[in-house]
Protein backbone atom coordinates (compact mmCIF):
# COMPACT_ATOMS: atom_id res chain seq x y z
CA UNK A 1 -59.22 70.76 -33.73
CA UNK A 2 -59.88 67.01 -33.73
CA UNK A 3 -57.31 64.63 -31.97
CA UNK A 4 -57.12 61.33 -33.66
CA UNK A 5 -55.46 58.34 -31.85
CA UNK A 6 -53.34 56.14 -34.11
CA UNK A 7 -50.79 53.49 -33.80
CA UNK A 8 -47.97 54.98 -36.01
CA UNK A 9 -47.96 58.79 -36.35
CA UNK A 10 -44.93 58.72 -38.75
CA UNK A 11 -47.14 57.14 -41.42
CA UNK A 12 -49.63 60.12 -41.38
CA UNK A 13 -49.09 62.40 -44.43
CA UNK A 14 -49.05 65.28 -42.21
CA UNK A 15 -47.82 68.85 -42.65
CA UNK A 16 -45.44 68.42 -39.51
CA UNK A 17 -44.32 65.74 -37.68
CA UNK A 18 -43.48 66.38 -34.09
CA UNK A 19 -40.72 64.38 -32.54
CA UNK A 20 -39.37 65.01 -28.95
CA UNK A 21 -35.73 65.48 -27.78
CA UNK A 22 -34.64 65.14 -24.06
CA UNK A 23 -31.17 66.72 -23.55
CA UNK A 24 -28.34 64.34 -24.01
CA UNK A 25 -30.49 61.82 -26.08
CA UNK A 26 -31.54 61.33 -29.58
CA UNK A 27 -35.04 61.42 -31.05
CA UNK A 28 -37.19 58.77 -32.87
CA UNK A 29 -36.37 60.57 -36.31
CA UNK A 30 -33.11 59.68 -37.96
CA UNK A 31 -33.66 63.03 -40.01
CA UNK A 32 -33.83 65.00 -36.97
CA UNK A 33 -30.96 63.41 -35.38
CA UNK A 34 -28.77 64.09 -38.48
CA UNK A 35 -29.52 67.80 -38.79
CA UNK A 36 -30.85 69.04 -35.58
CA UNK A 37 -28.37 67.23 -33.24
CA UNK A 38 -25.36 66.44 -35.38
CA UNK A 39 -25.00 69.32 -37.72
CA UNK A 40 -26.76 72.15 -35.76
CA UNK A 41 -25.93 71.07 -32.11
CA UNK A 42 -29.63 71.47 -30.98
CA UNK A 43 -29.68 70.53 -27.32
CA UNK A 44 -33.32 70.11 -26.54
CA UNK A 45 -33.70 72.33 -23.71
CA UNK A 46 -37.10 72.62 -22.50
CA UNK A 47 -39.32 74.69 -24.84
CA UNK A 48 -36.81 74.98 -27.70
CA UNK A 49 -37.85 73.93 -31.19
CA UNK A 50 -36.15 73.14 -34.35
CA UNK A 51 -37.78 72.78 -37.63
CA UNK A 52 -36.67 71.33 -40.85
CA UNK A 53 -38.25 70.28 -44.17
CA UNK A 54 -38.18 66.71 -45.39
CA UNK A 55 -37.45 67.53 -49.10
CA UNK A 56 -39.91 64.88 -50.16
CA UNK A 57 -37.96 61.97 -48.42
CA UNK A 58 -40.87 61.30 -45.90
CA UNK A 59 -44.58 61.22 -46.28
CA UNK A 60 -44.72 64.26 -43.97
CA UNK A 61 -43.52 67.63 -45.16
CA UNK A 62 -41.62 68.75 -42.17
CA UNK A 63 -40.20 67.77 -38.88
CA UNK A 64 -40.47 69.71 -35.73
CA UNK A 65 -38.01 68.72 -32.82
CA UNK A 66 -39.45 69.67 -29.56
CA UNK A 67 -37.11 70.10 -26.69
CA UNK A 68 -38.35 68.54 -23.62
CA UNK A 69 -35.20 69.49 -21.15
CA UNK A 70 -33.82 66.93 -18.83
CA UNK A 71 -35.55 63.69 -18.43
CA UNK A 72 -35.42 63.47 -14.65
CA UNK A 73 -37.24 66.92 -14.51
CA UNK A 74 -40.03 66.11 -16.88
CA UNK A 75 -43.43 65.83 -15.59
CA UNK A 76 -47.10 66.07 -16.79
CA UNK A 77 -47.21 69.95 -16.26
CA UNK A 78 -44.30 70.23 -18.57
CA UNK A 79 -45.86 67.89 -21.07
CA UNK A 80 -48.94 70.15 -21.20
CA UNK A 81 -46.83 73.26 -21.66
CA UNK A 82 -44.52 71.54 -24.36
CA UNK A 83 -47.43 70.30 -26.41
CA UNK A 84 -49.11 73.76 -26.54
CA UNK A 85 -45.66 75.27 -27.68
CA UNK A 86 -45.72 72.58 -30.43
CA UNK A 87 -49.17 73.48 -31.45
CA UNK A 88 -48.67 77.27 -31.41
CA UNK A 89 -45.50 76.87 -33.62
CA UNK A 90 -47.49 74.56 -36.05
CA UNK A 91 -50.15 77.24 -36.20
CA UNK A 92 -47.45 79.88 -36.93
CA UNK A 93 -46.32 77.67 -39.94
CA UNK A 94 -50.08 77.31 -40.78
CA UNK A 95 -50.02 73.62 -40.64
CA UNK A 96 -53.36 71.95 -40.79
CA UNK A 97 -52.47 68.32 -40.11
CA UNK A 98 -49.84 67.65 -37.18
CA UNK A 99 -48.71 64.33 -36.03
CA UNK A 100 -46.77 63.65 -32.80
CA UNK A 101 -44.45 60.71 -32.34
CA UNK A 102 -43.44 60.87 -28.69
CA UNK A 103 -40.83 58.55 -27.29
CA UNK A 104 -39.29 57.85 -23.79
CA UNK A 105 -42.16 59.61 -21.84
CA UNK A 106 -42.47 57.48 -18.67
CA UNK A 107 -46.04 58.50 -17.58
CA UNK A 108 -49.35 58.34 -19.51
CA UNK A 109 -49.56 61.66 -21.20
CA UNK A 110 -53.00 61.32 -22.85
CA UNK A 111 -54.69 63.68 -20.81
CA UNK A 112 -52.11 66.52 -20.55
CA UNK A 113 -51.32 66.10 -24.17
CA UNK A 114 -55.09 66.82 -24.98
CA UNK A 115 -55.35 69.78 -22.72
CA UNK A 116 -52.14 71.22 -23.88
CA UNK A 117 -53.27 70.80 -27.55
CA UNK A 118 -56.53 72.47 -26.87
CA UNK A 119 -55.41 75.40 -24.59
CA UNK A 120 -53.08 76.28 -27.43
CA UNK A 121 -55.72 76.17 -30.02
CA UNK A 122 -57.89 78.65 -28.16
CA UNK A 123 -58.43 82.23 -29.31
CA UNK A 124 -61.21 84.73 -28.29
CA UNK A 125 -61.63 86.60 -31.67
CA UNK A 126 -65.31 87.22 -31.48
CA UNK A 127 -64.98 91.15 -31.96
CA UNK A 128 -62.14 91.00 -34.13
CA UNK A 129 -63.17 92.17 -37.83
CA UNK A 130 -60.40 90.08 -39.44
CA UNK A 131 -59.96 86.57 -38.04
CA UNK A 132 -56.76 84.36 -38.72
CA UNK A 133 -57.27 80.94 -40.25
CA UNK A 134 -54.32 79.45 -39.06
CA UNK A 135 -55.84 76.77 -36.70
CA UNK A 136 -54.47 73.08 -36.86
CA UNK A 137 -57.53 71.10 -37.90
CA UNK A 138 -56.12 67.51 -37.16
CA UNK A 139 -53.74 66.15 -34.64
CA UNK A 140 -52.54 62.55 -34.68
CA UNK A 141 -51.01 60.83 -31.60
CA UNK A 142 -50.42 57.48 -30.01
CA UNK A 143 -52.26 57.76 -26.80
CA UNK A 144 -55.12 56.42 -24.60
CA UNK A 145 -58.21 56.89 -26.64
CA UNK A 146 -60.51 56.86 -23.80
CA UNK A 147 -58.49 59.35 -21.79
CA UNK A 148 -58.34 61.62 -24.92
CA UNK A 149 -62.08 61.72 -25.29
CA UNK A 150 -62.64 62.54 -21.48
CA UNK A 151 -59.90 65.38 -21.74
CA UNK A 152 -61.36 66.60 -24.95
CA UNK A 153 -64.78 67.10 -23.11
CA UNK A 154 -62.88 68.94 -20.13
CA UNK A 155 -61.07 71.19 -22.77
CA UNK A 156 -64.27 72.06 -24.44
CA UNK A 157 -65.71 73.00 -20.81
CA UNK A 158 -62.51 75.21 -20.18
CA UNK A 159 -63.17 76.97 -23.55
CA UNK A 160 -66.72 77.53 -22.70
CA UNK A 161 -65.86 79.18 -19.52
CA UNK A 162 -63.01 81.09 -21.05
CA UNK A 163 -65.29 82.49 -23.56
CA UNK A 164 -67.85 83.72 -21.09
CA UNK A 165 -65.00 85.22 -18.90
CA UNK A 166 -63.55 87.11 -21.65
CA UNK A 167 -66.78 88.77 -22.82
CA UNK A 168 -67.07 92.42 -21.96
CA UNK A 169 -69.50 93.38 -19.22
CA UNK A 170 -71.61 94.81 -21.79
CA UNK A 171 -72.52 91.48 -22.95
CA UNK A 172 -71.97 89.29 -19.89
CA UNK A 173 -74.62 90.72 -17.78
CA UNK A 174 -76.47 88.88 -15.03
CA UNK A 175 -79.25 88.38 -17.28
CA UNK A 176 -77.14 87.08 -19.94
CA UNK A 177 -75.48 84.49 -17.60
CA UNK A 178 -79.02 83.35 -16.48
CA UNK A 179 -79.91 82.74 -20.14
CA UNK A 180 -76.62 80.79 -20.82
CA UNK A 181 -77.69 78.78 -17.81
CA UNK A 182 -81.25 78.18 -19.00
CA UNK A 183 -79.62 76.89 -22.56
CA UNK A 184 -77.68 73.91 -20.87
CA UNK A 185 -80.64 71.75 -20.65
CA UNK A 186 -80.49 71.24 -16.93
CA UNK A 187 -83.07 71.60 -14.35
CA UNK A 188 -82.52 75.23 -13.82
CA UNK A 189 -84.22 77.94 -11.50
CA UNK A 190 -83.48 81.67 -11.91
CA UNK A 191 -84.71 83.83 -8.92
CA UNK A 192 -85.27 87.55 -9.66
CA UNK A 193 -84.87 90.40 -7.37
CA UNK A 194 -88.26 89.93 -5.59
CA UNK A 195 -87.74 86.22 -4.94
CA UNK A 196 -84.32 86.97 -3.57
CA UNK A 197 -86.04 89.47 -1.36
CA UNK A 198 -88.46 86.77 -0.11
CA UNK A 199 -85.77 84.48 0.61
CA UNK A 200 -83.93 87.06 2.81
CA UNK A 201 -80.77 87.70 0.61
CA UNK A 202 -80.06 90.89 1.99
CA UNK A 203 -76.28 90.78 1.42
CA UNK A 204 -76.57 89.63 -2.24
CA UNK A 205 -79.22 92.31 -2.98
CA UNK A 206 -77.35 95.24 -1.27
CA UNK A 207 -74.35 94.70 -3.88
CA UNK A 208 -76.65 94.84 -6.78
CA UNK A 209 -78.50 98.15 -5.85
CA UNK A 210 -76.07 100.50 -7.62
CA UNK A 211 -76.69 98.95 -11.05
CA UNK A 212 -79.16 99.18 -13.38
CA UNK A 213 -78.65 95.52 -14.25
CA UNK A 214 -81.05 93.31 -12.47
CA UNK A 215 -79.47 90.66 -10.16
CA UNK A 216 -80.19 87.00 -10.99
CA UNK A 217 -79.51 84.04 -8.67
CA UNK A 218 -78.99 80.98 -10.64
CA UNK A 219 -79.46 77.36 -9.47
CA UNK A 220 -78.65 74.53 -12.03
CA UNK A 221 -79.12 71.04 -10.96
CA UNK A 222 -77.80 67.75 -12.27
CA UNK A 223 -79.69 64.83 -10.98
CA UNK A 224 -79.31 61.05 -11.11
CA UNK A 225 -81.22 58.26 -9.40
CA UNK A 226 -79.50 57.17 -6.10
CA UNK A 227 -76.75 59.59 -6.22
CA UNK A 228 -73.35 58.53 -4.43
CA UNK A 229 -72.85 62.06 -3.24
CA UNK A 230 -74.53 65.46 -3.40
CA UNK A 231 -72.34 68.45 -4.12
CA UNK A 232 -72.93 72.12 -4.36
CA UNK A 233 -70.31 74.21 -6.59
CA UNK A 234 -70.89 78.15 -6.06
CA UNK A 235 -69.10 80.59 -8.43
CA UNK A 236 -68.73 84.15 -7.55
CA UNK A 237 -70.68 86.15 -10.26
CA UNK A 238 -69.84 89.81 -10.01
CA UNK A 239 -70.22 90.64 -13.84
CA UNK A 240 -68.36 93.99 -13.33
CA UNK A 241 -66.82 95.41 -10.18
CA UNK A 242 -66.27 99.14 -10.10
CA UNK A 243 -65.75 98.95 -6.41
CA UNK A 244 -69.06 100.63 -5.62
CA UNK A 245 -68.97 103.66 -3.73
CA UNK A 246 -65.41 102.96 -2.52
CA UNK A 247 -64.51 103.12 -6.40
CA UNK A 248 -61.52 101.43 -7.68
CA UNK A 249 -58.86 103.61 -9.65
CA UNK A 250 -59.09 103.18 -13.26
CA UNK A 251 -56.16 100.80 -13.72
CA UNK A 252 -57.73 98.39 -11.28
CA UNK A 253 -61.03 98.49 -12.92
CA UNK A 254 -59.87 97.77 -16.40
CA UNK A 255 -60.04 93.79 -16.08
CA UNK A 256 -62.85 93.78 -13.75
CA UNK A 257 -65.04 91.91 -16.34
CA UNK A 258 -63.13 88.98 -15.13
CA UNK A 259 -64.77 89.15 -11.58
CA UNK A 260 -67.27 86.61 -12.61
CA UNK A 261 -64.54 83.94 -13.88
CA UNK A 262 -65.77 81.69 -10.99
CA UNK A 263 -69.30 81.80 -12.37
CA UNK A 264 -68.04 81.13 -15.73
CA UNK A 265 -66.29 78.15 -14.20
CA UNK A 266 -69.33 76.83 -12.95
CA UNK A 267 -71.28 77.39 -16.18
CA UNK A 268 -68.30 75.54 -17.87
CA UNK A 269 -68.63 72.43 -15.66
CA UNK A 270 -72.54 72.41 -15.88
CA UNK A 271 -72.40 72.70 -19.57
CA UNK A 272 -70.50 69.41 -19.87
CA UNK A 273 -71.49 67.32 -16.95
CA UNK A 274 -74.35 65.23 -18.56
CA UNK A 275 -71.97 63.99 -21.12
CA UNK A 276 -69.89 62.27 -18.31
CA UNK A 277 -73.06 60.71 -16.67
CA UNK A 278 -71.42 60.94 -13.05
CA UNK A 279 -73.42 59.16 -10.30
CA UNK A 280 -73.27 62.45 -8.17
CA UNK A 281 -75.79 65.11 -7.73
CA UNK A 282 -74.39 68.45 -8.60
CA UNK A 283 -75.92 71.75 -7.99
CA UNK A 284 -74.62 74.80 -9.77
CA UNK A 285 -75.10 78.11 -8.00
CA UNK A 286 -74.33 81.56 -9.07
CA UNK A 287 -75.29 85.05 -7.39
CA UNK A 288 -74.95 87.27 -10.41
CA UNK A 289 -74.94 91.01 -10.27
CA UNK A 290 -72.85 94.09 -10.95
CA UNK A 291 -71.30 96.15 -8.14
CA UNK A 292 -71.85 99.93 -9.41
CA UNK A 293 -71.97 103.46 -7.61
CA UNK A 294 -75.41 104.13 -8.77
CA UNK A 295 -78.12 106.06 -7.16
CA UNK A 296 -79.32 103.18 -5.12
CA UNK A 297 -75.69 101.80 -4.10
CA UNK A 298 -75.15 100.47 -0.83
CA UNK A 299 -72.94 102.45 1.40
CA UNK A 300 -70.13 102.24 4.12
CA UNK A 301 -71.69 101.93 7.32
CA UNK A 302 -74.88 100.25 6.27
CA UNK A 303 -76.10 97.17 8.03
CA UNK A 304 -77.10 94.01 5.87
CA UNK A 305 -78.91 91.14 6.94
CA UNK A 306 -77.72 87.94 5.26
CA UNK A 307 -80.15 84.94 4.46
CA UNK A 308 -79.29 83.15 7.76
CA UNK A 309 -80.00 86.19 9.70
CA UNK A 310 -76.49 87.34 10.69
CA UNK A 311 -76.00 91.11 10.21
CA UNK A 312 -72.85 92.69 8.56
CA UNK A 313 -71.70 96.19 8.88
CA UNK A 314 -70.34 97.40 5.50
CA UNK A 315 -66.75 98.55 6.06
CA UNK A 316 -65.73 98.70 2.42
CA UNK A 317 -68.12 98.30 -0.71
CA UNK A 318 -65.26 96.90 -2.64
CA UNK A 319 -65.32 93.93 -0.60
CA UNK A 320 -68.34 92.65 -2.40
CA UNK A 321 -67.96 89.18 -3.47
CA UNK A 322 -68.07 87.73 -0.09
CA UNK A 323 -71.37 89.35 0.39
CA UNK A 324 -72.86 87.63 -2.59
CA UNK A 325 -71.34 84.43 -1.69
CA UNK A 326 -72.52 84.74 2.04
CA UNK A 327 -76.22 84.39 0.88
CA UNK A 328 -75.07 81.81 -1.83
CA UNK A 329 -73.46 79.43 0.70
CA UNK A 330 -76.58 79.89 2.99
CA UNK A 331 -78.64 78.84 0.12
CA UNK A 332 -76.58 75.79 -0.73
CA UNK A 333 -76.33 74.52 2.81
CA UNK A 334 -80.21 74.15 2.77
CA UNK A 335 -80.09 71.85 -0.13
CA UNK A 336 -79.12 68.69 1.91
CA UNK A 337 -75.90 68.43 0.24
CA UNK A 338 -72.82 66.74 1.51
CA UNK A 339 -70.29 69.21 0.36
CA UNK A 340 -70.01 72.94 -0.74
CA UNK A 341 -67.32 74.24 -2.93
CA UNK A 342 -67.08 78.03 -3.50
CA UNK A 343 -64.62 79.56 -6.05
CA UNK A 344 -64.11 83.33 -6.31
CA UNK A 345 -61.83 86.03 -7.59
CA UNK A 346 -62.16 87.11 -4.01
CA UNK A 347 -58.93 88.89 -2.71
CA UNK A 348 -56.04 90.83 -3.83
CA UNK A 349 -54.34 89.64 -0.75
CA UNK A 350 -54.45 85.95 -2.28
CA UNK A 351 -52.92 87.19 -5.36
CA UNK A 352 -50.18 89.01 -3.46
CA UNK A 353 -49.47 85.83 -1.59
CA UNK A 354 -49.34 83.39 -4.22
CA UNK A 355 -49.24 85.47 -7.43
CA UNK A 356 -50.44 84.00 -10.46
CA UNK A 357 -49.05 80.49 -10.13
CA UNK A 358 -51.48 78.78 -7.61
CA UNK A 359 -55.10 79.50 -6.03
CA UNK A 360 -55.60 79.53 -2.44
CA UNK A 361 -57.64 77.01 -0.75
CA UNK A 362 -59.21 76.71 2.73
CA UNK A 363 -61.93 74.87 4.43
CA UNK A 364 -63.42 73.37 7.57
CA UNK A 365 -62.37 69.75 6.85
CA UNK A 366 -58.67 69.38 6.12
CA UNK A 367 -59.09 65.89 4.59
CA UNK A 368 -61.48 67.39 2.04
CA UNK A 369 -59.09 70.29 1.19
CA UNK A 370 -56.17 67.91 0.68
CA UNK A 371 -58.26 65.66 -1.45
CA UNK A 372 -59.05 68.76 -3.70
CA UNK A 373 -55.53 69.79 -3.57
CA UNK A 374 -54.40 66.51 -5.00
CA UNK A 375 -57.11 66.44 -7.44
CA UNK A 376 -55.92 69.96 -8.76
CA UNK A 377 -52.38 68.57 -9.09
CA UNK A 378 -53.55 65.63 -11.21
CA UNK A 379 -55.56 67.99 -13.32
CA UNK A 380 -52.72 70.52 -14.08
CA UNK A 381 -53.70 73.13 -11.45
CA UNK A 382 -52.13 74.32 -8.38
CA UNK A 383 -54.05 74.95 -4.99
CA UNK A 384 -52.28 76.07 -1.82
CA UNK A 385 -53.90 75.65 1.69
CA UNK A 386 -54.05 78.90 3.57
CA UNK A 387 -54.98 78.85 7.17
CA UNK A 388 -58.53 79.38 8.51
CA UNK A 389 -57.94 80.18 12.20
CA UNK A 390 -60.69 81.78 14.16
CA UNK A 391 -58.01 84.39 15.27
CA UNK A 392 -58.70 86.11 11.75
CA UNK A 393 -62.18 87.07 12.94
CA UNK A 394 -60.71 89.46 15.18
CA UNK A 395 -60.48 92.07 12.64
CA UNK A 396 -64.09 91.57 11.35
CA UNK A 397 -65.74 92.16 14.84
CA UNK A 398 -68.09 95.33 14.69
CA UNK A 399 -69.55 97.31 17.57
CA UNK A 400 -73.15 97.47 16.14
CA UNK A 401 -73.64 94.17 14.07
CA UNK A 402 -72.36 90.61 13.96
CA UNK A 403 -69.50 91.45 11.82
CA UNK A 404 -67.86 93.53 9.44
CA UNK A 405 -67.28 92.69 5.62
CA UNK A 406 -63.59 93.45 5.93
CA UNK A 407 -61.01 93.95 8.39
CA UNK A 408 -57.12 94.38 8.63
CA UNK A 409 -55.16 94.48 5.63
CA UNK A 410 -52.96 91.56 6.98
CA UNK A 411 -54.03 88.11 6.22
CA UNK A 412 -56.72 89.31 3.97
CA UNK A 413 -57.36 86.12 2.03
CA UNK A 414 -57.79 84.05 5.41
CA UNK A 415 -59.82 86.77 6.85
CA UNK A 416 -62.18 86.67 3.87
CA UNK A 417 -62.34 82.81 4.36
CA UNK A 418 -63.34 83.06 7.96
CA UNK A 419 -65.93 85.72 6.95
CA UNK A 420 -67.46 83.07 4.58
CA UNK A 421 -67.20 80.38 7.14
CA UNK A 422 -69.83 82.06 9.10
CA UNK A 423 -72.51 81.20 6.58
CA UNK A 424 -71.68 77.57 6.28
CA UNK A 425 -73.51 75.06 8.34
CA UNK A 426 -73.47 71.38 8.65
CA UNK A 427 -71.57 70.41 5.46
CA UNK A 428 -67.95 69.84 4.50
CA UNK A 429 -66.91 73.30 2.77
CA UNK A 430 -63.86 74.45 0.73
CA UNK A 431 -63.13 77.93 -0.47
CA UNK A 432 -60.89 78.56 -3.56
CA UNK A 433 -59.57 81.84 -4.21
CA UNK A 434 -58.58 82.04 -7.95
CA UNK A 435 -57.98 86.03 -7.93
CA UNK A 436 -54.26 85.33 -9.23
CA UNK A 437 -55.15 82.33 -11.70
CA UNK A 438 -58.37 83.18 -13.28
CA UNK A 439 -57.24 85.85 -15.76
CA UNK A 440 -53.60 86.65 -17.08
CA UNK A 441 -52.86 90.16 -18.20
CA UNK A 442 -50.09 88.71 -20.50
CA UNK A 443 -49.28 85.23 -21.83
CA UNK A 444 -48.11 82.57 -19.39
CA UNK A 445 -46.91 79.22 -20.27
CA UNK A 446 -49.48 77.52 -22.30
CA UNK A 447 -51.94 80.29 -22.02
CA UNK A 448 -52.54 83.55 -23.90
CA UNK A 449 -53.76 86.65 -22.06
CA UNK A 450 -57.15 86.57 -20.85
CA UNK A 451 -59.24 84.16 -19.17
CA UNK A 452 -57.82 80.84 -18.21
CA UNK A 453 -60.90 78.71 -17.03
CA UNK A 454 -59.43 78.20 -13.63
CA UNK A 455 -61.03 75.60 -11.60
CA UNK A 456 -62.98 73.54 -14.37
CA UNK A 457 -60.46 70.78 -14.79
CA UNK A 458 -60.24 70.28 -10.81
CA UNK A 459 -64.01 70.33 -10.45
CA UNK A 460 -65.00 68.05 -13.15
CA UNK A 461 -62.12 65.57 -12.35
CA UNK A 462 -63.22 65.84 -8.70
CA UNK A 463 -66.93 65.11 -9.36
CA UNK A 464 -65.91 62.18 -11.88
CA UNK A 465 -63.73 60.51 -9.06
CA UNK A 466 -66.39 60.33 -6.49
């Protein structure tokens, strides 16, 4: 799909012209007003559409009236969802050229329009023997060309991340993630098992022991002269999570290819970052491995030693993500960065608390956390701050080690955050739990089922705003 910025969308010989309708108002199309509103009593409730042919009376073949609901309730998030609805409807009509004539919208809609169009355009059909050829090829709209160009790149990064996260675990192995990272053209170092052992990554390597797939610790670096800030972004990279010896039930294991969605996010960000030329040094870090119950699998009761020397009693082998992140956090804090942001499909508890509507966020600096929440909101994502009180560590106390890797079932997302905090030193840090937002089992708003590219928009916008 290509989005072309024009001055007058109504002059385009498009297959479909999309016009918008707020409840109680008219559209910018006399034809739509006559038939949709006057004759068929179309109200323009949010998400409703009305399609009518022009019978050769206009340069465009059809008009699609897009309901935007009550004007006072309309916002950028609804804009993105509505545009996705229009694009999907156009795809159903096998339209190749679609023009948008939007009227009465009281904010710059350029970024959310672009994201909505590209999110709707996405499909993961790599393994389909028959592929549909119903994509919209050209979209015309009056918008801010510079913002459209920026949002197009962000959308490309989202699609890149979604493709990786949608891949089956047989393809998206730790070795494959390392190969993808090496192909991005950045300064990239891949540490193998032996090198990780020399660095003392006992927590990460323990998780990897039960799998035939070799673990890979990935470090990508984007550098500039005299950076304004240095940031490390870390993505949980469990390419398949069986639960280990504390094995998951089959129904819970079915979508566990998505347990590397945060790693896919980091790869998506790093895939496009050079095109933006931000004056920020960015380190993309992934500790990639599988959590499997093979012959060498780590066991409940084992004592692990992380990179910073802290010891961990294994209470549950299915609380593996925080173990890999522990060593990744230690590594990131040694890079001399100003800030560290980690993302992870970490806890079911976060999903219980927030559902699929928001990601949980916590950190050691409230202003830093609030900035990320605000950036997410502007980017079309929702972050909700969860507490990081030291009291949560009580359930992680061990009689024989510095801590256990899991504790009480209550407050599980914050307990995991407090665990991770023990491996953060001398930097501002935020942890984002995307367990509920990274992968949808059924379509939701503008997204189809599958990976969403959670975190890509927010991280890129945050980096660009520094």
